[in-house]
N, C-alpha and C. Protein backbone atom coordinates (compact mmCIF):
# COMPACT_ATOMS: atom_id res chain seq x y z
N UNK A 1 22.92 -6.44 8.30
CA UNK A 1 22.33 -7.72 8.85
C UNK A 1 21.07 -7.03 10.20
N UNK A 2 20.12 -7.90 9.96
CA UNK A 2 18.94 -7.29 11.01
C UNK A 2 19.32 -7.82 12.40
N UNK A 3 18.42 -6.96 13.07
CA UNK A 3 19.40 -7.01 14.57
C UNK A 3 17.63 -7.53 15.28
N UNK A 4 17.93 -8.84 15.63
CA UNK A 4 16.75 -8.85 16.21
C UNK A 4 15.93 -8.40 17.24
N UNK A 5 16.96 -7.79 18.08
CA UNK A 5 15.98 -6.97 18.97
C UNK A 5 15.32 -5.92 18.72
N UNK A 6 14.91 -6.35 17.64
CA UNK A 6 14.21 -5.50 16.22
C UNK A 6 12.87 -5.67 15.92
N UNK A 7 13.45 -6.84 15.68
CA UNK A 7 11.54 -7.26 15.65
C UNK A 7 11.00 -7.07 16.04
N UNK A 8 9.27 -6.85 15.47
CA UNK A 8 7.70 -6.17 15.67
C UNK A 8 7.34 -7.33 16.93
N UNK A 9 6.71 -6.92 18.18
CA UNK A 9 6.58 -7.10 19.17
C UNK A 9 5.14 -7.06 19.42
N UNK A 10 4.61 -6.25 18.43
CA UNK A 10 2.58 -5.31 18.71
C UNK A 10 3.23 -4.04 18.32
N UNK A 11 1.68 -4.13 17.98
CA UNK A 11 1.95 -2.56 16.62
C UNK A 11 0.50 -2.28 17.45
N UNK A 12 0.01 -0.83 17.32
CA UNK A 12 -1.49 -0.36 17.64
C UNK A 12 -1.37 0.25 16.10
N UNK A 13 -2.67 1.01 15.74
CA UNK A 13 -2.88 1.74 14.70
C UNK A 13 -3.95 2.38 14.90
N UNK A 14 -4.32 4.16 15.12
CA UNK A 14 -4.67 4.88 15.67
C UNK A 14 -5.33 5.60 14.52
N UNK A 15 -5.79 6.08 15.22
CA UNK A 15 -6.23 7.42 14.16
C UNK A 15 -5.57 8.33 13.62
N UNK A 16 -4.70 9.36 14.65
CA UNK A 16 -3.57 9.48 14.10
C UNK A 16 -2.46 9.60 14.51
N UNK A 17 -2.55 7.84 14.63
CA UNK A 17 -1.05 7.54 15.08
C UNK A 17 -0.90 5.89 15.31
N UNK A 18 0.79 5.79 14.75
CA UNK A 18 1.20 4.05 15.00
C UNK A 18 2.18 4.44 15.35
N UNK A 19 1.85 3.38 16.16
CA UNK A 19 2.97 2.38 17.25
C UNK A 19 3.46 1.07 17.25
N UNK A 20 4.62 1.44 17.21
CA UNK A 20 5.24 -0.40 17.00
C UNK A 20 6.17 -0.14 18.20
N UNK A 21 6.11 -1.11 18.95
CA UNK A 21 6.76 -2.21 20.08
C UNK A 21 7.70 -2.92 18.94
N UNK A 22 9.10 -3.41 19.96
CA UNK A 22 10.35 -3.08 18.93
C UNK A 22 10.69 -5.05 20.64
N UNK A 23 11.80 -5.90 20.54
CA UNK A 23 11.98 -7.01 21.15
C UNK A 23 12.72 -6.59 21.64
N UNK A 24 12.95 -5.68 21.41
CA UNK A 24 14.37 -4.69 22.39
C UNK A 24 13.73 -4.15 23.63
N UNK A 25 12.49 -3.59 23.45
CA UNK A 25 11.67 -3.16 24.36
C UNK A 25 12.25 -1.44 24.25
N UNK A 26 12.40 -1.07 23.18
CA UNK A 26 11.64 0.28 21.94
C UNK A 26 10.29 0.66 21.72
N UNK A 27 9.40 0.92 21.86
CA UNK A 27 8.26 1.87 21.26
C UNK A 27 9.07 2.39 20.15
N UNK A 28 8.47 2.29 19.37
CA UNK A 28 8.99 3.69 18.04
C UNK A 28 7.43 4.37 17.67
N UNK A 29 6.93 5.48 18.06
CA UNK A 29 4.88 6.24 17.51
C UNK A 29 5.32 7.57 15.97
N UNK A 30 4.43 7.56 15.32
CA UNK A 30 4.50 7.87 13.85
C UNK A 30 3.58 8.30 13.35
N UNK A 31 3.69 9.57 13.02
CA UNK A 31 1.88 10.16 13.34
C UNK A 31 1.44 9.00 11.41
N UNK A 32 0.24 8.83 11.34
CA UNK A 32 -0.30 7.65 10.84
C UNK A 32 -0.67 9.21 9.15
N UNK A 33 -0.57 10.28 9.09
CA UNK A 33 -0.59 11.18 8.21
C UNK A 33 1.10 11.29 7.65
N UNK A 34 1.70 9.71 7.37
CA UNK A 34 3.17 10.00 7.22
C UNK A 34 3.20 9.38 6.34
N UNK A 35 1.31 8.20 5.73
CA UNK A 35 0.80 7.41 5.16
C UNK A 35 -0.06 7.25 4.63
N UNK A 36 -0.33 7.79 3.87
CA UNK A 36 -1.88 8.28 2.93
C UNK A 36 -2.93 7.13 3.51
N UNK A 37 -1.57 5.99 3.37
CA UNK A 37 -2.94 4.57 2.27
C UNK A 37 -3.28 4.28 3.94
N UNK A 38 -3.17 4.33 5.84
CA UNK A 38 -3.73 4.59 6.38
C UNK A 38 -4.19 5.53 7.41
N UNK A 39 -3.31 6.93 6.22
CA UNK A 39 -4.57 7.67 6.95
C UNK A 39 -5.50 7.19 6.17
N UNK A 40 -6.37 7.27 5.76
CA UNK A 40 -6.65 7.59 4.68
C UNK A 40 -7.78 6.26 4.75
N UNK A 41 -7.66 5.96 5.77
CA UNK A 41 -8.13 4.12 5.83
C UNK A 41 -9.48 4.02 6.81
N UNK A 42 -10.00 2.86 6.46
CA UNK A 42 -11.30 2.91 8.21
C UNK A 42 -10.12 1.54 8.69
N UNK A 43 -10.99 2.46 10.12
CA UNK A 43 -10.45 1.74 11.10
C UNK A 43 -9.84 0.26 10.68
N UNK A 44 -11.39 -0.64 10.46
CA UNK A 44 -10.38 -1.94 10.84
C UNK A 44 -10.30 -2.24 9.59
N UNK A 45 -9.40 -1.39 8.63
CA UNK A 45 -8.17 -1.73 8.09
C UNK A 45 -7.43 -1.78 8.86
N UNK A 46 -7.81 -0.50 9.82
CA UNK A 46 -5.94 -0.15 10.07
C UNK A 46 -5.90 -1.31 11.15
N UNK A 47 -6.82 -2.03 11.64
CA UNK A 47 -6.18 -3.09 12.94
C UNK A 47 -6.26 -3.90 12.17
N UNK A 48 -6.60 -4.59 10.52
CA UNK A 48 -5.38 -5.78 9.95
C UNK A 48 -5.16 -5.76 9.50
N UNK A 49 -3.83 -6.52 10.21
CA UNK A 49 -2.53 -6.30 9.84
C UNK A 49 -1.75 -7.08 10.21
N UNK A 50 -0.62 -7.39 9.17
CA UNK A 50 -0.48 -8.44 9.74
C UNK A 50 1.65 -9.19 10.34
N UNK A 51 2.52 -9.03 10.84
CA UNK A 51 3.76 -8.18 11.67
C UNK A 51 4.21 -9.85 10.66
N UNK A 52 4.75 -8.89 9.95
CA UNK A 52 5.33 -9.76 8.55
C UNK A 52 7.27 -9.68 8.19
N UNK A 53 7.70 -10.28 7.08
CA UNK A 53 9.17 -10.29 7.35
C UNK A 53 9.78 -10.99 8.17
N UNK A 54 9.75 -11.86 8.65
CA UNK A 54 10.28 -12.24 9.63
C UNK A 54 10.43 -11.89 11.27
N UNK A 55 9.14 -10.68 11.32
CA UNK A 55 9.09 -9.47 12.46
C UNK A 55 9.52 -7.94 12.03
N UNK A 56 10.08 -8.40 10.69
CA UNK A 56 10.89 -7.32 10.84
C UNK A 56 10.01 -6.17 9.40
N UNK A 57 9.00 -6.21 9.88
CA UNK A 57 7.85 -5.58 8.58
C UNK A 57 6.94 -5.37 8.59
N UNK A 58 5.64 -4.50 8.56
CA UNK A 58 3.87 -4.47 9.21
C UNK A 58 3.56 -5.05 7.43
N UNK A 59 2.15 -5.40 7.35
CA UNK A 59 1.38 -5.68 6.28
C UNK A 59 0.17 -5.11 6.49
N UNK A 60 -0.79 -4.27 5.77
CA UNK A 60 -1.73 -4.31 6.06
C UNK A 60 -2.02 -4.70 4.35
N UNK A 61 -2.94 -6.21 4.98
CA UNK A 61 -2.90 -6.85 2.94
C UNK A 61 -4.15 -5.91 2.62
N UNK A 62 -5.34 -5.78 3.05
CA UNK A 62 -6.57 -5.00 2.00
C UNK A 62 -6.47 -3.49 1.91
N UNK A 63 -4.87 -3.13 2.66
CA UNK A 63 -4.54 -1.37 1.74
C UNK A 63 -3.35 -2.08 1.21
N UNK A 64 -2.42 -2.68 0.95
CA UNK A 64 -1.20 -3.18 0.21
C UNK A 64 -0.42 -1.79 0.51
N UNK A 65 0.09 -1.63 1.92
CA UNK A 65 0.91 -1.57 2.57
C UNK A 65 1.92 -1.75 2.76
N UNK A 66 2.79 -2.10 3.22
CA UNK A 66 4.03 -2.98 4.13
C UNK A 66 4.58 -0.96 4.22
N UNK A 67 5.32 -2.13 5.82
CA UNK A 67 6.31 -0.73 6.34
C UNK A 67 7.37 -1.76 7.06
N UNK A 68 8.28 -0.93 7.24
CA UNK A 68 9.69 -1.56 7.18
C UNK A 68 9.96 -1.41 8.53
N UNK A 69 10.93 -2.27 9.12
CA UNK A 69 11.14 -1.45 11.69
C UNK A 69 12.78 -0.93 10.69
N UNK A 70 13.52 -1.17 9.97
CA UNK A 70 14.55 0.07 8.98
C UNK A 70 14.13 0.98 8.17
N UNK A 71 12.68 2.13 8.44
CA UNK A 71 11.99 2.87 7.45
C UNK A 71 11.66 3.55 8.89
N UNK A 72 10.79 2.82 9.41
CA UNK A 72 10.89 3.11 10.90
C UNK A 72 11.24 3.42 11.74
N UNK A 73 12.44 3.21 12.09
CA UNK A 73 13.65 3.37 12.79
C UNK A 73 14.35 4.35 11.72
N UNK A 74 14.45 5.06 11.00
CA UNK A 74 15.26 6.20 10.12
C UNK A 74 13.90 7.59 10.34
N UNK A 75 12.88 7.43 10.38
CA UNK A 75 12.14 8.37 10.25
C UNK A 75 11.41 8.70 9.64
N UNK A 76 11.04 7.49 8.13
CA UNK A 76 11.08 8.33 6.77
C UNK A 76 9.67 7.53 6.63
N UNK A 77 8.77 8.87 5.76
CA UNK A 77 7.40 8.46 5.70
C UNK A 77 7.24 7.84 4.92
N UNK A 78 6.79 7.65 3.51
CA UNK A 78 6.15 7.49 2.45
C UNK A 78 6.44 8.08 1.59
N UNK A 79 6.99 7.90 0.40
CA UNK A 79 7.68 8.52 -0.44
C UNK A 79 6.39 9.21 -0.83
N UNK A 80 6.37 10.84 -1.78
CA UNK A 80 5.49 10.85 -2.31
C UNK A 80 4.81 10.71 -3.16
N UNK A 81 3.81 9.83 -3.56
CA UNK A 81 2.90 9.72 -4.93
C UNK A 81 3.15 10.91 -6.38
N UNK A 82 4.30 11.08 -7.76
CA UNK A 82 4.17 11.81 -9.10
C UNK A 82 3.05 11.74 -9.57
N UNK A 83 3.10 12.38 -9.39
CA UNK A 83 1.37 13.40 -10.19
C UNK A 83 2.00 13.56 -11.21
N UNK A 84 1.21 13.15 -12.87
CA UNK A 84 1.30 12.66 -14.17
C UNK A 84 0.75 14.34 -14.66
N UNK A 85 0.84 14.95 -14.90
CA UNK A 85 0.06 16.26 -15.89
C UNK A 85 -0.19 15.37 -17.17
N UNK A 86 -1.31 15.63 -17.71
CA UNK A 86 -1.07 15.24 -19.30
C UNK A 86 -2.05 16.54 -19.92
């Protein structure tokens, strides 16, 4: 069950760092390089975000990128895309 203190209250996404503030006072900072869609996005695409999932996630509509607080707390970077060889 989700902890109400783990709801997102604020998000800042710079060129190299994603920082998420939680209702319980914690802040999580991770490298943007963990999330290729954010890494290769423009500044405007990075700041165009929505707090989603009743406050337990972040969504970038222009990038179709979703991150969960649960994943951020686990320190989980985005899964590597599989490359198909023809």
